[in-house]
């Protein structure tokens, strides 16, 4: 599933491929990924306009067009943004194609189509679509982060992945951050001590910086992420057999030695 580092990577793809370029053609190959806007309306609103500098808000990508509408993209579980040429072979899951000046084409590619594209006519439309989203995990300061956790009674893993609390973290990042912080995913967020909250914040920042540089949550040998899918997964820090459970319908992986449950 695309998480904050992946979407930051998609932002860089859009910026390098299309920033400052005029949108010559919008081709909707599958209107099933459009939300609140028709294919015709999308073409009419965007063709002839120029892509500005894109922004990321949590897991959302905002493609500005100067004083025109803002294209808002969400990648769900399988979405991607790719840059190529209009002459490149069309892939089966290429849903919307944006051809710009310079013989370049940006493609929204998504297998499962769980989210998609929205069009905000103005800034109030952007705000409306992002309503209820918490602060961005890469931008939130420590005081706001600690206050958000201290006020939530849910399990800390569930709180970290709740986009209304903190925007951008998904399943892989939450597991990795908790492992690095030595905290059980099963613990209650409001039971964390102040030193634990600070440690969690520090590890979140470090993990995000590394992952953003990589453009994904990297499956490195020194990371929990690098071992969660092994046939017999072991902790890269202590060698203890990793445990798995289901939490909020997602697979949670942790080390019972490094992340003891204090309950």
C-alpha atoms as a PDB file:
ATOM      1  CA  UNK A   1       0.000   0.000   0.000  1.00  0.00           C
ATOM      2  CA  UNK A   2       1.388   3.447  -0.864  1.00  0.00           C
ATOM      3  CA  UNK A   3       2.265   5.352   2.299  1.00  0.00           C
ATOM      4  CA  UNK A   4       3.751   8.782   2.901  1.00  0.00           C
ATOM      5  CA  UNK A   5       7.199   7.981   1.376  1.00  0.00           C
ATOM      6  CA  UNK A   6       5.621   6.456  -1.732  1.00  0.00           C
ATOM      7  CA  UNK A   7       3.343   9.458  -2.268  1.00  0.00           C
ATOM      8  CA  UNK A   8       6.298  11.786  -1.774  1.00  0.00           C
ATOM      9  CA  UNK A   9       7.978   9.795  -4.527  1.00  0.00           C
ATOM     10  CA  UNK A  10       4.907  10.217  -6.752  1.00  0.00           C
ATOM     11  CA  UNK A  11       5.041  13.953  -6.030  1.00  0.00           C
ATOM     12  CA  UNK A  12       8.615  14.005  -7.318  1.00  0.00           C
ATOM     13  CA  UNK A  13       7.551  12.057 -10.414  1.00  0.00           C
ATOM     14  CA  UNK A  14       4.842  14.602 -11.184  1.00  0.00           C
ATOM     15  CA  UNK A  15       7.141  17.543 -10.511  1.00  0.00           C
ATOM     16  CA  UNK A  16       9.980  16.271 -12.692  1.00  0.00           C
ATOM     17  CA  UNK A  17       7.684  15.096 -15.476  1.00  0.00           C
ATOM     18  CA  UNK A  18       5.074  17.829 -15.717  1.00  0.00           C
ATOM     19  CA  UNK A  19       5.743  20.899 -13.569  1.00  0.00           C
ATOM     20  CA  UNK A  20       5.403  24.046 -15.675  1.00  0.00           C
ATOM     21  CA  UNK A  21       4.125  22.118 -18.687  1.00  0.00           C
ATOM     22  CA  UNK A  22       0.809  22.650 -20.448  1.00  0.00           C
ATOM     23  CA  UNK A  23      -1.692  19.788 -20.301  1.00  0.00           C
ATOM     24  CA  UNK A  24      -2.414  19.016 -23.943  1.00  0.00           C
ATOM     25  CA  UNK A  25      -4.664  15.991 -23.505  1.00  0.00           C
ATOM     26  CA  UNK A  26      -6.481  14.165 -20.727  1.00  0.00           C
ATOM     27  CA  UNK A  27      -7.461  10.610 -21.623  1.00  0.00           C
ATOM     28  CA  UNK A  28      -9.731   8.775 -19.191  1.00  0.00           C
ATOM     29  CA  UNK A  29      -9.504   5.078 -19.926  1.00  0.00           C
ATOM     30  CA  UNK A  30     -11.484   4.024 -16.869  1.00  0.00           C
ATOM     31  CA  UNK A  31     -13.954   6.473 -15.323  1.00  0.00           C
ATOM     32  CA  UNK A  32     -14.262   4.159 -12.330  1.00  0.00           C
ATOM     33  CA  UNK A  33     -11.354   5.975 -10.684  1.00  0.00           C
ATOM     34  CA  UNK A  34     -13.049   9.386 -10.963  1.00  0.00           C
ATOM     35  CA  UNK A  35     -14.944  10.708  -7.938  1.00  0.00           C
ATOM     36  CA  UNK A  36     -17.398  13.589  -8.163  1.00  0.00           C
ATOM     37  CA  UNK A  37     -16.253  14.533 -11.663  1.00  0.00           C
ATOM     38  CA  UNK A  38     -17.022  13.138 -15.103  1.00  0.00           C
ATOM     39  CA  UNK A  39     -14.410  12.358 -17.733  1.00  0.00           C
ATOM     40  CA  UNK A  40     -15.699  15.217 -19.854  1.00  0.00           C
ATOM     41  CA  UNK A  41     -15.574  17.692 -16.984  1.00  0.00           C
ATOM     42  CA  UNK A  42     -12.031  16.591 -16.105  1.00  0.00           C
ATOM     43  CA  UNK A  43     -10.866  17.178 -19.670  1.00  0.00           C
ATOM     44  CA  UNK A  44     -12.548  20.557 -19.936  1.00  0.00           C
ATOM     45  CA  UNK A  45     -11.150  21.709 -16.596  1.00  0.00           C
ATOM     46  CA  UNK A  46      -7.546  20.666 -17.193  1.00  0.00           C
ATOM     47  CA  UNK A  47      -6.709  20.727 -20.894  1.00  0.00           C
ATOM     48  CA  UNK A  48      -4.864  23.910 -21.778  1.00  0.00           C
ATOM     49  CA  UNK A  49      -3.830  24.599 -18.187  1.00  0.00           C
ATOM     50  CA  UNK A  50      -0.325  24.299 -16.818  1.00  0.00           C
ATOM     51  CA  UNK A  51       0.733  22.016 -13.979  1.00  0.00           C
ATOM     52  CA  UNK A  52       2.227  23.924 -11.062  1.00  0.00           C
ATOM     53  CA  UNK A  53       4.341  22.574  -8.247  1.00  0.00           C
ATOM     54  CA  UNK A  54       2.602  19.540  -6.725  1.00  0.00           C
ATOM     55  CA  UNK A  55       2.067  19.157  -2.983  1.00  0.00           C
ATOM     56  CA  UNK A  56       1.627  16.177  -0.696  1.00  0.00           C
ATOM     57  CA  UNK A  57      -0.755  16.142   2.265  1.00  0.00           C
ATOM     58  CA  UNK A  58      -0.514  12.853   4.116  1.00  0.00           C
ATOM     59  CA  UNK A  59      -1.327  10.213   1.495  1.00  0.00           C
ATOM     60  CA  UNK A  60      -2.916  12.748  -0.862  1.00  0.00           C
ATOM     61  CA  UNK A  61      -1.151  14.281  -3.863  1.00  0.00           C
ATOM     62  CA  UNK A  62      -2.319  17.731  -4.954  1.00  0.00           C
ATOM     63  CA  UNK A  63      -1.633  18.670  -8.572  1.00  0.00           C
ATOM     64  CA  UNK A  64      -2.141  22.435  -8.748  1.00  0.00           C
ATOM     65  CA  UNK A  65      -2.815  24.273 -12.006  1.00  0.00           C
ATOM     66  CA  UNK A  66      -1.994  27.867 -11.068  1.00  0.00           C
ATOM     67  CA  UNK A  67      -5.220  29.757 -10.422  1.00  0.00           C
ATOM     68  CA  UNK A  68      -7.225  26.884 -11.919  1.00  0.00           C
ATOM     69  CA  UNK A  69      -8.603  23.733 -10.300  1.00  0.00           C
ATOM     70  CA  UNK A  70      -6.545  21.293  -8.273  1.00  0.00           C
ATOM     71  CA  UNK A  71      -6.391  17.644  -9.267  1.00  0.00           C
ATOM     72  CA  UNK A  72      -6.297  15.520  -6.107  1.00  0.00           C
ATOM     73  CA  UNK A  73      -4.992  11.976  -6.259  1.00  0.00           C
ATOM     74  CA  UNK A  74      -5.186   9.189  -3.694  1.00  0.00           C
ATOM     75  CA  UNK A  75      -3.492   5.875  -4.395  1.00  0.00           C
ATOM     76  CA  UNK A  76      -5.429   3.460  -2.212  1.00  0.00           C
ATOM     77  CA  UNK A  77      -3.617   0.131  -1.960  1.00  0.00           C
ATOM     78  CA  UNK A  78      -2.224  -0.329  -5.475  1.00  0.00           C
ATOM     79  CA  UNK A  79      -2.088   3.102  -7.123  1.00  0.00           C
ATOM     80  CA  UNK A  80       1.023   4.561  -8.752  1.00  0.00           C
ATOM     81  CA  UNK A  81       2.053   7.571 -10.789  1.00  0.00           C
ATOM     82  CA  UNK A  82       4.435   6.980 -13.674  1.00  0.00           C
ATOM     83  CA  UNK A  83       6.087   9.240 -16.232  1.00  0.00           C
ATOM     84  CA  UNK A  84       6.750   8.266 -19.792  1.00  0.00           C
ATOM     85  CA  UNK A  85       6.049   9.083 -23.419  1.00  0.00           C
ATOM     86  CA  UNK A  86       2.686   9.078 -25.219  1.00  0.00           C
ATOM     87  CA  UNK A  87       4.215   6.417 -27.468  1.00  0.00           C
ATOM     88  CA  UNK A  88       4.825   3.991 -24.598  1.00  0.00           C
ATOM     89  CA  UNK A  89       2.705   0.851 -24.540  1.00  0.00           C
ATOM     90  CA  UNK A  90      -0.518   1.246 -22.574  1.00  0.00           C
ATOM     91  CA  UNK A  91      -0.533  -0.979 -19.495  1.00  0.00           C
ATOM     92  CA  UNK A  92      -3.675  -2.831 -18.434  1.00  0.00           C
ATOM     93  CA  UNK A  93      -4.074  -0.750 -15.277  1.00  0.00           C
ATOM     94  CA  UNK A  94      -3.371   2.689 -16.766  1.00  0.00           C
ATOM     95  CA  UNK A  95      -6.600   4.475 -15.830  1.00  0.00           C
ATOM     96  CA  UNK A  96      -5.994   8.159 -16.659  1.00  0.00           C
ATOM     97  CA  UNK A  97      -3.313   9.646 -18.926  1.00  0.00           C
ATOM     98  CA  UNK A  98      -2.146  13.276 -18.911  1.00  0.00           C
ATOM     99  CA  UNK A  99      -0.134  14.274 -21.981  1.00  0.00           C
ATOM    100  CA  UNK A 100       1.900  17.453 -21.517  1.00  0.00           C
ATOM    101  CA  UNK A 101       4.322  19.565 -23.529  1.00  0.00           C
ATOM    102  CA  UNK A 102       7.662  18.031 -24.382  1.00  0.00           C
ATOM    103  CA  UNK A 103       6.336  14.632 -25.450  1.00  0.00           C
ATOM    104  CA  UNK A 104       5.747  13.541 -21.874  1.00  0.00           C
ATOM    105  CA  UNK A 105       2.867  11.694 -20.312  1.00  0.00           C
ATOM    106  CA  UNK A 106       1.877  11.176 -16.676  1.00  0.00           C
ATOM    107  CA  UNK A 107      -0.187   8.066 -15.977  1.00  0.00           C
ATOM    108  CA  UNK A 108      -2.351   7.188 -12.990  1.00  0.00           C
ATOM    109  CA  UNK A 109      -1.945   3.420 -12.777  1.00  0.00           C
ATOM    110  CA  UNK A 110      -4.006   1.380 -10.324  1.00  0.00           C
ATOM    111  CA  UNK A 111      -4.916  -2.280 -10.261  1.00  0.00           C
ATOM    112  CA  UNK A 112      -7.633  -2.415  -7.594  1.00  0.00           C
ATOM    113  CA  UNK A 113      -9.131   1.073  -8.006  1.00  0.00           C
ATOM    114  CA  UNK A 114      -9.886   1.548  -4.309  1.00  0.00           C
ATOM    115  CA  UNK A 115      -9.398   5.328  -4.439  1.00  0.00           C
ATOM    116  CA  UNK A 116      -8.638   7.548  -7.438  1.00  0.00           C
ATOM    117  CA  UNK A 117      -8.952  11.145  -8.629  1.00  0.00           C
ATOM    118  CA  UNK A 118     -10.962  14.143  -7.458  1.00  0.00           C
ATOM    119  CA  UNK A 119     -11.145  17.691  -8.814  1.00  0.00           C
ATOM    120  CA  UNK A 120     -11.304  20.691  -6.471  1.00  0.00           C
ATOM    121  CA  UNK A 121     -12.415  23.882  -8.213  1.00  0.00           C
ATOM    122  CA  UNK A 122     -10.839  26.134  -5.583  1.00  0.00           C
ATOM    123  CA  UNK A 123      -9.078  26.070  -2.231  1.00  0.00           C
ATOM    124  CA  UNK A 124     -12.325  25.574  -0.348  1.00  0.00           C
ATOM    125  CA  UNK A 125     -12.805  22.379  -2.339  1.00  0.00           C
ATOM    126  CA  UNK A 126      -9.341  21.203  -1.319  1.00  0.00           C
ATOM    127  CA  UNK A 127     -10.114  21.932   2.324  1.00  0.00           C
ATOM    128  CA  UNK A 128     -13.423  20.098   2.070  1.00  0.00           C
ATOM    129  CA  UNK A 129     -11.793  16.943   0.659  1.00  0.00           C
ATOM    130  CA  UNK A 130      -9.115  16.997   3.353  1.00  0.00           C
ATOM    131  CA  UNK A 131     -11.567  17.756   6.147  1.00  0.00           C
ATOM    132  CA  UNK A 132     -10.988  15.564   9.161  1.00  0.00           C
ATOM    133  CA  UNK A 133      -7.422  14.678   8.245  1.00  0.00           C
ATOM    134  CA  UNK A 134      -4.865  15.059  11.014  1.00  0.00           C
ATOM    135  CA  UNK A 135      -1.505  16.811  10.736  1.00  0.00           C
ATOM    136  CA  UNK A 136       1.027  15.424   8.295  1.00  0.00           C
ATOM    137  CA  UNK A 137       3.326  12.898   9.969  1.00  0.00           C
ATOM    138  CA  UNK A 138       6.410  14.479   8.403  1.00  0.00           C
ATOM    139  CA  UNK A 139       5.477  17.997   9.493  1.00  0.00           C
ATOM    140  CA  UNK A 140       3.824  17.549  12.912  1.00  0.00           C
ATOM    141  CA  UNK A 141       5.815  18.936  15.830  1.00  0.00           C
ATOM    142  CA  UNK A 142       6.541  16.891  18.928  1.00  0.00           C
ATOM    143  CA  UNK A 143       4.117  18.692  21.229  1.00  0.00           C
ATOM    144  CA  UNK A 144       1.162  18.174  18.875  1.00  0.00           C
ATOM    145  CA  UNK A 145       2.167  14.557  18.296  1.00  0.00           C
ATOM    146  CA  UNK A 146       2.366  13.811  22.009  1.00  0.00           C
ATOM    147  CA  UNK A 147      -0.921  15.575  22.700  1.00  0.00           C
ATOM    148  CA  UNK A 148      -2.676  13.568  19.985  1.00  0.00           C
ATOM    149  CA  UNK A 149      -1.475  10.253  21.415  1.00  0.00           C
ATOM    150  CA  UNK A 150      -2.155  11.186  25.021  1.00  0.00           C
ATOM    151  CA  UNK A 151      -5.806  11.888  24.206  1.00  0.00           C
ATOM    152  CA  UNK A 152      -6.499   8.554  22.421  1.00  0.00           C
ATOM    153  CA  UNK A 153      -7.552   5.384  24.241  1.00  0.00           C
ATOM    154  CA  UNK A 154      -7.071   3.018  21.316  1.00  0.00           C
ATOM    155  CA  UNK A 155      -4.147   0.710  20.726  1.00  0.00           C
ATOM    156  CA  UNK A 156      -1.070   2.654  19.696  1.00  0.00           C
ATOM    157  CA  UNK A 157      -0.748   0.889  16.318  1.00  0.00           C
ATOM    158  CA  UNK A 158      -4.353   1.730  15.455  1.00  0.00           C
ATOM    159  CA  UNK A 159      -3.907   5.351  16.556  1.00  0.00           C
ATOM    160  CA  UNK A 160      -0.757   5.799  14.463  1.00  0.00           C
ATOM    161  CA  UNK A 161      -2.538   4.610  11.318  1.00  0.00           C
ATOM    162  CA  UNK A 162      -5.702   6.650  11.949  1.00  0.00           C
ATOM    163  CA  UNK A 163      -5.542   9.388   9.303  1.00  0.00           C
ATOM    164  CA  UNK A 164      -7.717  11.667  11.422  1.00  0.00           C
ATOM    165  CA  UNK A 165      -5.014  11.599  14.102  1.00  0.00           C
ATOM    166  CA  UNK A 166      -1.905  11.618  11.920  1.00  0.00           C
ATOM    167  CA  UNK A 167      -1.845  11.702   8.135  1.00  0.00           C
ATOM    168  CA  UNK A 168       0.525   9.579   6.094  1.00  0.00           C
ATOM    169  CA  UNK A 169       1.387   6.525   8.182  1.00  0.00           C
ATOM    170  CA  UNK A 170       0.240   3.108   7.036  1.00  0.00           C
ATOM    171  CA  UNK A 171       0.695  -0.467   8.133  1.00  0.00           C
ATOM    172  CA  UNK A 172       4.371  -0.956   7.253  1.00  0.00           C
ATOM    173  CA  UNK A 173       5.530   2.363   8.668  1.00  0.00           C
ATOM    174  CA  UNK A 174       3.625   1.932  11.919  1.00  0.00           C
ATOM    175  CA  UNK A 175       5.116  -1.513  12.513  1.00  0.00           C
ATOM    176  CA  UNK A 176       8.613  -0.285  11.683  1.00  0.00           C
ATOM    177  CA  UNK A 177       8.375   2.785  13.916  1.00  0.00           C
ATOM    178  CA  UNK A 178       7.005   0.848  16.876  1.00  0.00           C
ATOM    179  CA  UNK A 179       9.734  -1.781  16.521  1.00  0.00           C
ATOM    180  CA  UNK A 180      12.433   0.886  16.450  1.00  0.00           C
ATOM    181  CA  UNK A 181      10.897   2.567  19.494  1.00  0.00           C
ATOM    182  CA  UNK A 182      10.657  -0.734  21.382  1.00  0.00           C
ATOM    183  CA  UNK A 183       6.921  -0.351  21.951  1.00  0.00           C
ATOM    184  CA  UNK A 184       4.251  -3.001  21.665  1.00  0.00           C
ATOM    185  CA  UNK A 185       1.577  -2.318  19.053  1.00  0.00           C
ATOM    186  CA  UNK A 186      -0.962  -3.676  21.535  1.00  0.00           C
ATOM    187  CA  UNK A 187      -0.416  -0.989  24.169  1.00  0.00           C
ATOM    188  CA  UNK A 188      -2.899   1.831  24.675  1.00  0.00           C
ATOM    189  CA  UNK A 189      -1.829   5.173  23.259  1.00  0.00           C
ATOM    190  CA  UNK A 190      -2.912   7.123  26.327  1.00  0.00           C
ATOM    191  CA  UNK A 191      -0.957   4.763  28.586  1.00  0.00           C
ATOM    192  CA  UNK A 192       2.375   5.709  27.031  1.00  0.00           C
ATOM    193  CA  UNK A 193       4.682   7.606  29.335  1.00  0.00           C
ATOM    194  CA  UNK A 194       6.142  10.933  28.285  1.00  0.00           C
ATOM    195  CA  UNK A 195       9.572   9.361  27.572  1.00  0.00           C
ATOM    196  CA  UNK A 196       7.872   6.681  25.464  1.00  0.00           C
ATOM    197  CA  UNK A 197       5.936   9.268  23.462  1.00  0.00           C
ATOM    198  CA  UNK A 198       9.136  11.226  22.863  1.00  0.00           C
ATOM    199  CA  UNK A 199      10.985   8.086  21.799  1.00  0.00           C
ATOM    200  CA  UNK A 200       8.152   7.204  19.435  1.00  0.00           C
ATOM    201  CA  UNK A 201       8.229  10.669  17.883  1.00  0.00           C
ATOM    202  CA  UNK A 202      12.007  10.539  17.423  1.00  0.00           C
ATOM    203  CA  UNK A 203      11.855   7.136  15.744  1.00  0.00           C
ATOM    204  CA  UNK A 204       8.973   8.231  13.532  1.00  0.00           C
ATOM    205  CA  UNK A 205      11.002  11.180  12.264  1.00  0.00           C
ATOM    206  CA  UNK A 206      14.098   9.055  11.642  1.00  0.00           C
ATOM    207  CA  UNK A 207      12.143   6.321   9.888  1.00  0.00           C
ATOM    208  CA  UNK A 208      10.299   8.793   7.683  1.00  0.00           C
ATOM    209  CA  UNK A 209      13.478  10.593   6.653  1.00  0.00           C
ATOM    210  CA  UNK A 210      15.083   7.318   5.567  1.00  0.00           C
ATOM    211  CA  UNK A 211      11.942   6.071   3.829  1.00  0.00           C
ATOM    212  CA  UNK A 212      11.340   9.325   1.963  1.00  0.00           C
ATOM    213  CA  UNK A 213      14.915   9.188   0.666  1.00  0.00           C
ATOM    214  CA  UNK A 214      14.268   5.639  -0.543  1.00  0.00           C
ATOM    215  CA  UNK A 215      10.867   6.543  -2.019  1.00  0.00           C
ATOM    216  CA  UNK A 216       9.187   3.687  -0.154  1.00  0.00           C
ATOM    217  CA  UNK A 217       9.329   1.735   3.094  1.00  0.00           C
ATOM    218  CA  UNK A 218      12.511  -0.129   2.141  1.00  0.00           C
ATOM    219  CA  UNK A 219      12.788  -3.882   2.828  1.00  0.00           C
ATOM    220  CA  UNK A 220      16.326  -3.575   4.183  1.00  0.00           C
ATOM    221  CA  UNK A 221      17.949  -6.389   6.157  1.00  0.00           C
ATOM    222  CA  UNK A 222      18.385  -4.076   9.146  1.00  0.00           C
ATOM    223  CA  UNK A 223      14.684  -3.106   9.121  1.00  0.00           C
ATOM    224  CA  UNK A 224      11.722  -5.052  10.446  1.00  0.00           C
ATOM    225  CA  UNK A 225      10.148  -4.431   7.036  1.00  0.00           C
ATOM    226  CA  UNK A 226      12.905  -6.480   5.437  1.00  0.00           C
ATOM    227  CA  UNK A 227      11.869  -9.622   7.336  1.00  0.00           C
ATOM    228  CA  UNK A 228       8.096  -9.467   7.861  1.00  0.00           C
ATOM    229  CA  UNK A 229       7.417 -11.605   4.771  1.00  0.00           C
ATOM    230  CA  UNK A 230      10.142 -14.183   5.394  1.00  0.00           C
ATOM    231  CA  UNK A 231       8.948 -17.818   5.682  1.00  0.00           C
ATOM    232  CA  UNK A 232      10.235 -17.923   9.260  1.00  0.00           C
ATOM    233  CA  UNK A 233      10.655 -14.229  10.169  1.00  0.00           C
ATOM    234  CA  UNK A 234      13.116 -13.296  12.897  1.00  0.00           C
ATOM    235  CA  UNK A 235      13.894  -9.945  14.480  1.00  0.00           C
ATOM    236  CA  UNK A 236      16.935  -8.346  12.804  1.00  0.00           C
ATOM    237  CA  UNK A 237      17.950  -6.898  16.159  1.00  0.00           C
ATOM    238  CA  UNK A 238      17.782  -9.876  18.541  1.00  0.00           C
ATOM    239  CA  UNK A 239      16.879 -12.904  16.397  1.00  0.00           C
ATOM    240  CA  UNK A 240      13.623 -13.647  18.234  1.00  0.00           C
ATOM    241  CA  UNK A 241      10.846 -15.156  16.125  1.00  0.00           C
ATOM    242  CA  UNK A 242       8.500 -12.384  15.020  1.00  0.00           C
ATOM    243  CA  UNK A 243       4.832 -12.562  15.884  1.00  0.00           C
ATOM    244  CA  UNK A 244       1.868 -11.733  13.681  1.00  0.00           C
ATOM    245  CA  UNK A 245      -1.691 -10.755  14.513  1.00  0.00           C
ATOM    246  CA  UNK A 246      -4.629  -8.965  12.933  1.00  0.00           C
ATOM    247  CA  UNK A 247      -5.369  -5.470  14.101  1.00  0.00           C
ATOM    248  CA  UNK A 248      -8.029  -3.298  12.449  1.00  0.00           C
ATOM    249  CA  UNK A 249      -8.110  -5.858   9.590  1.00  0.00           C
ATOM    250  CA  UNK A 250      -4.385  -5.430   8.931  1.00  0.00           C
ATOM    251  CA  UNK A 251      -1.475  -7.769   9.602  1.00  0.00           C
ATOM    252  CA  UNK A 252       0.650  -6.511  12.474  1.00  0.00           C
ATOM    253  CA  UNK A 253       4.210  -7.786  12.942  1.00  0.00           C
ATOM    254  CA  UNK A 254       6.325  -7.248  16.044  1.00  0.00           C
ATOM    255  CA  UNK A 255       9.108  -8.700  18.159  1.00  0.00           C
ATOM    256  CA  UNK A 256       7.911  -9.956  21.558  1.00  0.00           C
ATOM    257  CA  UNK A 257      11.395  -9.515  23.021  1.00  0.00           C
ATOM    258  CA  UNK A 258      12.148  -6.001  21.775  1.00  0.00           C
ATOM    259  CA  UNK A 259       8.531  -4.834  22.098  1.00  0.00           C
ATOM    260  CA  UNK A 260       7.194  -6.415  25.304  1.00  0.00           C
ATOM    261  CA  UNK A 261       3.531  -5.978  26.099  1.00  0.00           C
ATOM    262  CA  UNK A 262       3.414  -4.401  29.527  1.00  0.00           C
ATOM    263  CA  UNK A 263      -0.294  -4.999  30.064  1.00  0.00           C
END
